Protein backbone atom coordinates (compact mmCIF):
# COMPACT_ATOMS: atom_id res chain seq x y z
CA LEU A 1 -47.95 -40.63 53.41
CA ARG A 2 -46.03 -41.48 50.25
CA ILE A 3 -43.10 -39.22 51.32
CA LEU A 4 -43.03 -41.02 54.65
CA PHE A 5 -42.73 -44.43 52.98
CA ARG A 6 -39.93 -43.14 50.74
CA ALA A 7 -38.08 -41.68 53.78
CA VAL A 8 -38.38 -44.99 55.57
CA ARG A 9 -37.15 -46.87 52.48
CA PHE A 10 -34.21 -44.50 52.19
CA LEU A 11 -33.28 -44.97 55.88
CA ARG A 12 -33.40 -48.73 55.48
CA MET A 13 -31.05 -48.41 52.49
CA LEU A 14 -28.66 -46.36 54.53
CA LYS A 15 -28.71 -48.92 57.30
CA LEU A 16 -28.01 -51.70 54.83
CA MET A 17 -25.08 -49.74 53.43
CA LEU A 18 -23.69 -49.12 56.91
CA VAL A 19 -23.89 -52.85 57.62
CA LEU A 20 -22.05 -53.61 54.38
CA VAL A 21 -19.31 -51.06 55.13
CA LEU A 22 -18.75 -52.46 58.64
CA THR A 23 -18.81 -56.15 57.65
CA ASP A 24 -15.64 -58.15 57.22
CA LEU A 25 -15.71 -59.45 53.63
CA ASN A 26 -12.44 -61.37 53.48
CA TRP A 27 -14.34 -64.42 52.34
CA VAL A 28 -14.75 -62.78 48.91
CA GLU A 29 -11.12 -63.56 48.13
CA LYS A 30 -11.33 -67.25 49.28
CA ASP A 31 -11.12 -70.06 46.74
CA TRP A 32 -14.59 -71.32 47.36
CA PHE A 33 -16.14 -68.00 46.52
CA GLN A 34 -13.95 -67.71 43.36
CA THR A 35 -15.18 -71.16 42.35
CA LEU A 36 -18.84 -70.29 43.06
CA VAL A 37 -18.54 -67.16 40.90
CA GLY A 38 -16.96 -69.24 38.05
CA LEU A 39 -19.77 -71.76 38.32
CA VAL A 40 -22.46 -69.04 38.26
CA ILE A 41 -20.76 -67.54 35.12
CA VAL A 42 -20.79 -70.85 33.34
CA LEU A 43 -24.39 -71.45 34.40
CA ASN A 44 -25.38 -68.01 33.22
CA SER A 45 -23.83 -68.62 29.78
CA VAL A 46 -25.61 -71.95 29.46
CA ILE A 47 -28.94 -70.33 30.38
CA MET A 48 -28.28 -67.53 27.81
CA GLY A 49 -27.72 -70.20 25.17
CA LEU A 50 -30.88 -72.04 26.10
CA GLU A 51 -32.90 -68.77 26.04
CA THR A 52 -32.23 -68.46 22.30
CA ASP A 53 -34.30 -71.64 21.73
CA LEU A 54 -36.69 -71.61 24.62
CA LYS A 55 -39.18 -68.88 25.17
CA SER A 56 -40.26 -69.17 28.75
CA PRO A 57 -41.59 -66.55 31.19
CA MET A 58 -39.26 -68.07 33.83
CA CYS A 59 -36.26 -66.84 31.85
CA PHE A 60 -36.89 -63.32 33.02
CA TRP A 61 -36.69 -64.34 36.68
CA VAL A 62 -33.60 -66.45 36.20
CA GLU A 63 -31.95 -63.46 34.61
CA GLN A 64 -32.96 -61.23 37.50
CA ILE A 65 -31.53 -63.67 40.02
CA MET A 66 -28.24 -63.79 38.07
CA LEU A 67 -28.18 -60.02 37.89
CA VAL A 68 -28.64 -59.78 41.70
CA PHE A 69 -25.83 -62.23 42.26
CA PHE A 70 -23.38 -60.34 39.97
CA VAL A 71 -24.31 -56.97 41.45
CA LEU A 72 -23.72 -58.24 45.00
CA GLU A 73 -20.50 -59.87 43.96
CA LEU A 74 -19.25 -56.64 42.45
CA SER A 75 -20.39 -54.63 45.45
CA PHE A 76 -18.55 -56.96 47.87
CA ARG A 77 -15.40 -56.81 45.78
CA LEU A 78 -15.38 -53.05 45.54
CA ARG A 79 -15.71 -52.64 49.22
C-alpha cells in the first residue's frame, strides 16, 4: 500500500513537471515580477534581521514560505 502511495505521488509530480514545461512563462521577465522579487528579497532580509532578536515559532513558517517563493522563482527562470 505504501508503494502505491509513493507511485501516485511520483506520477503527480511528473504531471506537475509536464504542466510547468508546457506553460508560457514570459511573465517572469516582466517588470512587475522583477519588482515583486525585489520586494520579497527586501522583506526576507528584514525578517532575518528581526529573527536575531525575536524568537518566535512563526519564524520557521515564514522562512519556509520565503524558501518556496525563491525555489519557484528559480524554477520559472531556469525553464
